[in-house]
């Protein structure tokens, strides 16, 4: 059984804002299209992500930023 909640795009943006990262709906759509944002899965016509995927994406951005210093 899957023990993680799948978030809608709006819930993802709310979660990011809660952890201090403000992003727009258009950013989310472009990031998903260009595969530059959190991983996502499709259920029929619905796009979903998880807190784990979001946290992994944030960590990869932090590591990427640190490697440029």
PDB file of N, CA and C in Angstrom:
ATOM      1  N   UNK A   1       0.837  -1.192   0.000  1.00  0.00           N
ATOM      2  CA  UNK A   1       0.000   0.000   0.000  1.00  0.00           C
ATOM      3  C   UNK A   1       0.879   1.252   0.000  1.00  0.00           C
ATOM      4  N   UNK A   2       0.473   2.266  -0.714  1.00  0.00           N
ATOM      5  CA  UNK A   2       1.198   3.526  -0.785  1.00  0.00           C
ATOM      6  C   UNK A   2       0.854   4.353   0.449  1.00  0.00           C
ATOM      7  N   UNK A   3       1.899   4.810   1.174  1.00  0.00           N
ATOM      8  CA  UNK A   3       1.657   5.559   2.407  1.00  0.00           C
ATOM      9  C   UNK A   3       1.970   7.054   2.261  1.00  0.00           C
ATOM     10  N   UNK A   4       1.979   7.539   1.039  1.00  0.00           N
ATOM     11  CA  UNK A   4       2.238   8.959   0.837  1.00  0.00           C
ATOM     12  C   UNK A   4       1.057   9.611   0.130  1.00  0.00           C
ATOM     13  N   UNK A   5       0.841  10.877   0.438  1.00  0.00           N
ATOM     14  CA  UNK A   5      -0.260  11.607  -0.171  1.00  0.00           C
ATOM     15  C   UNK A   5       0.217  12.244  -1.471  1.00  0.00           C
ATOM     16  N   UNK A   6      -0.576  12.147  -2.501  1.00  0.00           N
ATOM     17  CA  UNK A   6      -0.265  12.792  -3.767  1.00  0.00           C
ATOM     18  C   UNK A   6      -0.902  14.168  -3.777  1.00  0.00           C
ATOM     19  N   UNK A   7      -0.094  15.184  -4.065  1.00  0.00           N
ATOM     20  CA  UNK A   7      -0.528  16.571  -4.017  1.00  0.00           C
ATOM     21  C   UNK A   7      -0.884  17.095  -5.401  1.00  0.00           C
ATOM     22  N   UNK A   8      -1.891  17.938  -5.455  1.00  0.00           N
ATOM     23  CA  UNK A   8      -2.212  18.644  -6.693  1.00  0.00           C
ATOM     24  C   UNK A   8      -1.181  19.749  -6.899  1.00  0.00           C
ATOM     25  N   UNK A   9      -1.217  20.378  -8.044  1.00  0.00           N
ATOM     26  CA  UNK A   9      -0.293  21.482  -8.314  1.00  0.00           C
ATOM     27  C   UNK A   9      -0.490  22.598  -7.287  1.00  0.00           C
ATOM     28  N   UNK A  10      -1.737  22.905  -6.980  1.00  0.00           N
ATOM     29  CA  UNK A  10      -2.035  23.964  -6.006  1.00  0.00           C
ATOM     30  C   UNK A  10      -1.490  23.603  -4.624  1.00  0.00           C
ATOM     31  N   UNK A  11      -1.660  22.348  -4.210  1.00  0.00           N
ATOM     32  CA  UNK A  11      -1.131  21.901  -2.918  1.00  0.00           C
ATOM     33  C   UNK A  11       0.393  21.945  -2.905  1.00  0.00           C
ATOM     34  N   UNK A  12       1.018  21.610  -4.047  1.00  0.00           N
ATOM     35  CA  UNK A  12       2.472  21.690  -4.154  1.00  0.00           C
ATOM     36  C   UNK A  12       2.932  23.131  -3.950  1.00  0.00           C
ATOM     37  N   UNK A  13       2.265  24.083  -4.610  1.00  0.00           N
ATOM     38  CA  UNK A  13       2.636  25.489  -4.481  1.00  0.00           C
ATOM     39  C   UNK A  13       2.442  25.982  -3.048  1.00  0.00           C
ATOM     40  N   UNK A  14       1.386  25.523  -2.383  1.00  0.00           N
ATOM     41  CA  UNK A  14       1.153  25.881  -0.977  1.00  0.00           C
ATOM     42  C   UNK A  14       2.256  25.311  -0.091  1.00  0.00           C
ATOM     43  N   UNK A  15       2.657  24.074  -0.335  1.00  0.00           N
ATOM     44  CA  UNK A  15       3.724  23.457   0.450  1.00  0.00           C
ATOM     45  C   UNK A  15       5.036  24.216   0.249  1.00  0.00           C
ATOM     46  N   UNK A  16       5.359  24.539  -0.999  1.00  0.00           N
ATOM     47  CA  UNK A  16       6.584  25.296  -1.267  1.00  0.00           C
ATOM     48  C   UNK A  16       6.551  26.644  -0.551  1.00  0.00           C
ATOM     49  N   UNK A  17       5.409  27.315  -0.579  1.00  0.00           N
ATOM     50  CA  UNK A  17       5.306  28.605   0.098  1.00  0.00           C
ATOM     51  C   UNK A  17       5.493  28.451   1.603  1.00  0.00           C
ATOM     52  N   UNK A  18       4.953  27.362   2.159  1.00  0.00           N
ATOM     53  CA  UNK A  18       5.084  27.109   3.589  1.00  0.00           C
ATOM     54  C   UNK A  18       6.552  26.931   3.993  1.00  0.00           C
ATOM     55  N   UNK A  19       7.374  26.381   3.100  1.00  0.00           N
ATOM     56  CA  UNK A  19       8.789  26.197   3.429  1.00  0.00           C
ATOM     57  C   UNK A  19       9.649  27.358   2.917  1.00  0.00           C
ATOM     58  N   UNK A  20       8.989  28.430   2.456  1.00  0.00           N
ATOM     59  CA  UNK A  20       9.703  29.653   2.105  1.00  0.00           C
ATOM     60  C   UNK A  20      10.061  29.830   0.643  1.00  0.00           C
ATOM     61  N   UNK A  21       9.444  29.055  -0.231  1.00  0.00           N
ATOM     62  CA  UNK A  21       9.730  29.154  -1.668  1.00  0.00           C
ATOM     63  C   UNK A  21       8.440  29.540  -2.379  1.00  0.00           C
ATOM     64  N   UNK A  22       8.349  30.796  -2.796  1.00  0.00           N
ATOM     65  CA  UNK A  22       7.134  31.294  -3.460  1.00  0.00           C
ATOM     66  C   UNK A  22       7.276  31.098  -4.966  1.00  0.00           C
ATOM     67  N   UNK A  23       6.396  30.324  -5.549  1.00  0.00           N
ATOM     68  CA  UNK A  23       6.383  30.080  -6.991  1.00  0.00           C
ATOM     69  C   UNK A  23       4.968  30.279  -7.517  1.00  0.00           C
ATOM     70  N   UNK A  24       4.872  30.596  -8.798  1.00  0.00           N
ATOM     71  CA  UNK A  24       3.562  30.830  -9.426  1.00  0.00           C
ATOM     72  C   UNK A  24       3.059  29.569 -10.127  1.00  0.00           C
ATOM     73  N   UNK A  25       1.794  29.612 -10.489  1.00  0.00           N
ATOM     74  CA  UNK A  25       1.189  28.505 -11.234  1.00  0.00           C
ATOM     75  C   UNK A  25       1.880  28.338 -12.588  1.00  0.00           C
ATOM     76  N   UNK A  26       2.206  29.457 -13.247  1.00  0.00           N
ATOM     77  CA  UNK A  26       2.872  29.345 -14.549  1.00  0.00           C
ATOM     78  C   UNK A  26       4.275  28.755 -14.401  1.00  0.00           C
ATOM     79  N   UNK A  27       4.970  29.083 -13.298  1.00  0.00           N
ATOM     80  CA  UNK A  27       6.280  28.462 -13.056  1.00  0.00           C
ATOM     81  C   UNK A  27       6.117  26.951 -12.954  1.00  0.00           C
ATOM     82  N   UNK A  28       5.116  26.502 -12.192  1.00  0.00           N
ATOM     83  CA  UNK A  28       4.896  25.067 -11.988  1.00  0.00           C
ATOM     84  C   UNK A  28       4.651  24.360 -13.318  1.00  0.00           C
ATOM     85  N   UNK A  29       3.852  24.971 -14.174  1.00  0.00           N
ATOM     86  CA  UNK A  29       3.558  24.357 -15.468  1.00  0.00           C
ATOM     87  C   UNK A  29       4.802  24.311 -16.354  1.00  0.00           C
ATOM     88  N   UNK A  30       5.573  25.384 -16.396  1.00  0.00           N
ATOM     89  CA  UNK A  30       6.803  25.400 -17.205  1.00  0.00           C
ATOM     90  C   UNK A  30       7.851  24.458 -16.638  1.00  0.00           C
ATOM     91  N   UNK A  31       7.982  24.429 -15.311  1.00  0.00           N
ATOM     92  CA  UNK A  31       8.969  23.537 -14.684  1.00  0.00           C
ATOM     93  C   UNK A  31       8.637  22.076 -14.976  1.00  0.00           C
ATOM     94  N   UNK A  32       7.360  21.746 -14.938  1.00  0.00           N
ATOM     95  CA  UNK A  32       6.957  20.366 -15.232  1.00  0.00           C
ATOM     96  C   UNK A  32       7.215  20.043 -16.702  1.00  0.00           C
ATOM     97  N   UNK A  33       6.856  20.950 -17.600  1.00  0.00           N
ATOM     98  CA  UNK A  33       7.049  20.735 -19.032  1.00  0.00           C
ATOM     99  C   UNK A  33       8.527  20.578 -19.378  1.00  0.00           C
ATOM    100  N   UNK A  34       9.385  21.383 -18.749  1.00  0.00           N
ATOM    101  CA  UNK A  34      10.821  21.338 -19.026  1.00  0.00           C
ATOM    102  C   UNK A  34      11.587  20.394 -18.106  1.00  0.00           C
ATOM    103  N   UNK A  35      10.867  19.669 -17.261  1.00  0.00           N
ATOM    104  CA  UNK A  35      11.458  18.728 -16.298  1.00  0.00           C
ATOM    105  C   UNK A  35      12.514  19.394 -15.417  1.00  0.00           C
ATOM    106  N   UNK A  36      12.183  20.578 -14.922  1.00  0.00           N
ATOM    107  CA  UNK A  36      13.092  21.322 -14.054  1.00  0.00           C
ATOM    108  C   UNK A  36      12.543  21.454 -12.640  1.00  0.00           C
ATOM    109  N   UNK A  37      11.359  20.942 -12.401  1.00  0.00           N
ATOM    110  CA  UNK A  37      10.750  21.031 -11.075  1.00  0.00           C
ATOM    111  C   UNK A  37      10.718  19.673 -10.411  1.00  0.00           C
ATOM    112  N   UNK A  38       9.917  19.545  -9.359  1.00  0.00           N
ATOM    113  CA  UNK A  38       9.786  18.251  -8.679  1.00  0.00           C
ATOM    114  C   UNK A  38       9.260  17.168  -9.622  1.00  0.00           C
ATOM    115  N   UNK A  39       9.635  15.923  -9.362  1.00  0.00           N
ATOM    116  CA  UNK A  39       9.089  14.806 -10.144  1.00  0.00           C
ATOM    117  C   UNK A  39       7.571  14.781  -9.967  1.00  0.00           C
ATOM    118  N   UNK A  40       6.911  14.214 -10.935  1.00  0.00           N
ATOM    119  CA  UNK A  40       5.459  14.107 -10.865  1.00  0.00           C
ATOM    120  C   UNK A  40       5.020  12.801 -11.499  1.00  0.00           C
ATOM    121  N   UNK A  41       3.798  12.436 -11.210  1.00  0.00           N
ATOM    122  CA  UNK A  41       3.187  11.253 -11.818  1.00  0.00           C
ATOM    123  C   UNK A  41       1.854  11.690 -12.414  1.00  0.00           C
ATOM    124  N   UNK A  42       1.380  10.924 -13.364  1.00  0.00           N
ATOM    125  CA  UNK A  42       0.079  11.192 -13.986  1.00  0.00           C
ATOM    126  C   UNK A  42      -0.897  10.077 -13.618  1.00  0.00           C
ATOM    127  N   UNK A  43      -2.082  10.495 -13.221  1.00  0.00           N
ATOM    128  CA  UNK A  43      -3.188   9.571 -12.987  1.00  0.00           C
ATOM    129  C   UNK A  43      -4.277   9.990 -13.955  1.00  0.00           C
ATOM    130  N   UNK A  44      -4.377   9.292 -15.062  1.00  0.00           N
ATOM    131  CA  UNK A  44      -5.322   9.713 -16.090  1.00  0.00           C
ATOM    132  C   UNK A  44      -4.896  11.073 -16.600  1.00  0.00           C
ATOM    133  N   UNK A  45      -5.750  12.051 -16.523  1.00  0.00           N
ATOM    134  CA  UNK A  45      -5.416  13.400 -16.951  1.00  0.00           C
ATOM    135  C   UNK A  45      -4.921  14.299 -15.826  1.00  0.00           C
ATOM    136  N   UNK A  46      -4.700  13.726 -14.647  1.00  0.00           N
ATOM    137  CA  UNK A  46      -4.304  14.510 -13.486  1.00  0.00           C
ATOM    138  C   UNK A  46      -2.813  14.373 -13.201  1.00  0.00           C
ATOM    139  N   UNK A  47      -2.177  15.483 -12.873  1.00  0.00           N
ATOM    140  CA  UNK A  47      -0.759  15.507 -12.534  1.00  0.00           C
ATOM    141  C   UNK A  47      -0.649  15.645 -11.023  1.00  0.00           C
ATOM    142  N   UNK A  48       0.182  14.808 -10.409  1.00  0.00           N
ATOM    143  CA  UNK A  48       0.349  14.826  -8.958  1.00  0.00           C
ATOM    144  C   UNK A  48       1.826  14.690  -8.607  1.00  0.00           C
ATOM    145  N   UNK A  49       2.179  15.167  -7.413  1.00  0.00           N
ATOM    146  CA  UNK A  49       3.526  15.005  -6.883  1.00  0.00           C
ATOM    147  C   UNK A  49       3.398  14.659  -5.408  1.00  0.00           C
ATOM    148  N   UNK A  50       4.521  14.402  -4.751  1.00  0.00           N
ATOM    149  CA  UNK A  50       4.515  14.079  -3.328  1.00  0.00           C
ATOM    150  C   UNK A  50       5.455  15.018  -2.589  1.00  0.00           C
ATOM    151  N   UNK A  51       5.301  15.077  -1.277  1.00  0.00           N
ATOM    152  CA  UNK A  51       6.213  15.879  -0.453  1.00  0.00           C
ATOM    153  C   UNK A  51       7.633  15.362  -0.623  1.00  0.00           C
ATOM    154  N   UNK A  52       7.793  14.052  -0.722  1.00  0.00           N
ATOM    155  CA  UNK A  52       9.121  13.470  -0.910  1.00  0.00           C
ATOM    156  C   UNK A  52       9.762  13.989  -2.200  1.00  0.00           C
ATOM    157  N   UNK A  53       9.024  13.994  -3.293  1.00  0.00           N
ATOM    158  CA  UNK A  53       9.550  14.493  -4.567  1.00  0.00           C
ATOM    159  C   UNK A  53       9.912  15.977  -4.475  1.00  0.00           C
ATOM    160  N   UNK A  54       9.078  16.744  -3.782  1.00  0.00           N
ATOM    161  CA  UNK A  54       9.351  18.174  -3.632  1.00  0.00           C
ATOM    162  C   UNK A  54      10.618  18.385  -2.811  1.00  0.00           C
ATOM    163  N   UNK A  55      10.731  17.667  -1.697  1.00  0.00           N
ATOM    164  CA  UNK A  55      11.916  17.793  -0.844  1.00  0.00           C
ATOM    165  C   UNK A  55      13.184  17.375  -1.580  1.00  0.00           C
ATOM    166  N   UNK A  56      13.110  16.315  -2.383  1.00  0.00           N
ATOM    167  CA  UNK A  56      14.268  15.893  -3.183  1.00  0.00           C
ATOM    168  C   UNK A  56      14.666  16.986  -4.168  1.00  0.00           C
ATOM    169  N   UNK A  57      13.686  17.641  -4.786  1.00  0.00           N
ATOM    170  CA  UNK A  57      13.968  18.714  -5.737  1.00  0.00           C
ATOM    171  C   UNK A  57      14.627  19.893  -5.032  1.00  0.00           C
ATOM    172  N   UNK A  58      14.111  20.267  -3.859  1.00  0.00           N
ATOM    173  CA  UNK A  58      14.697  21.370  -3.093  1.00  0.00           C
ATOM    174  C   UNK A  58      16.141  21.042  -2.738  1.00  0.00           C
ATOM    175  N   UNK A  59      16.391  19.820  -2.262  1.00  0.00           N
ATOM    176  CA  UNK A  59      17.756  19.406  -1.915  1.00  0.00           C
ATOM    177  C   UNK A  59      18.683  19.477  -3.123  1.00  0.00           C
ATOM    178  N   UNK A  60      18.201  19.045  -4.292  1.00  0.00           N
ATOM    179  CA  UNK A  60      19.048  19.081  -5.490  1.00  0.00           C
ATOM    180  C   UNK A  60      19.359  20.521  -5.887  1.00  0.00           C
ATOM    181  N   UNK A  61      18.414  21.433  -5.672  1.00  0.00           N
ATOM    182  CA  UNK A  61      18.670  22.851  -5.969  1.00  0.00           C
ATOM    183  C   UNK A  61      19.702  23.420  -5.011  1.00  0.00           C
ATOM    184  N   UNK A  62      19.644  23.018  -3.745  1.00  0.00           N
ATOM    185  CA  UNK A  62      20.608  23.499  -2.760  1.00  0.00           C
ATOM    186  C   UNK A  62      21.995  22.989  -3.114  1.00  0.00           C
ATOM    187  N   UNK A  63      22.103  21.708  -3.459  1.00  0.00           N
ATOM    188  CA  UNK A  63      23.397  21.132  -3.838  1.00  0.00           C
ATOM    189  C   UNK A  63      23.947  21.799  -5.093  1.00  0.00           C
ATOM    190  N   UNK A  64      23.076  22.049  -6.073  1.00  0.00           N
ATOM    191  CA  UNK A  64      23.490  22.684  -7.309  1.00  0.00           C
ATOM    192  C   UNK A  64      24.010  24.093  -7.034  1.00  0.00           C
ATOM    193  N   UNK A  65      23.330  24.818  -6.164  1.00  0.00           N
ATOM    194  CA  UNK A  65      23.749  26.156  -5.800  1.00  0.00           C
ATOM    195  C   UNK A  65      25.086  26.164  -5.063  1.00  0.00           C
ATOM    196  N   UNK A  66      25.281  25.169  -4.192  1.00  0.00           N
ATOM    197  CA  UNK A  66      26.535  25.075  -3.444  1.00  0.00           C
ATOM    198  C   UNK A  66      27.706  24.734  -4.340  1.00  0.00           C
ATOM    199  N   UNK A  67      27.480  23.992  -5.395  1.00  0.00           N
ATOM    200  CA  UNK A  67      28.570  23.592  -6.286  1.00  0.00           C
ATOM    201  C   UNK A  67      29.043  24.760  -7.155  1.00  0.00           C
ATOM    202  N   UNK A  68      28.225  25.805  -7.257  1.00  0.00           N
ATOM    203  CA  UNK A  68      28.598  26.977  -8.051  1.00  0.00           C
ATOM    204  C   UNK A  68      29.431  27.971  -7.246  1.00  0.00           C
ATOM    205  N   UNK A  69      29.542  27.757  -5.937  1.00  0.00           N
ATOM    206  CA  UNK A  69      30.316  28.681  -5.088  1.00  0.00           C
ATOM    207  C   UNK A  69      31.809  28.449  -5.217  1.00  0.00           C
TER     208      UNK A  69
END
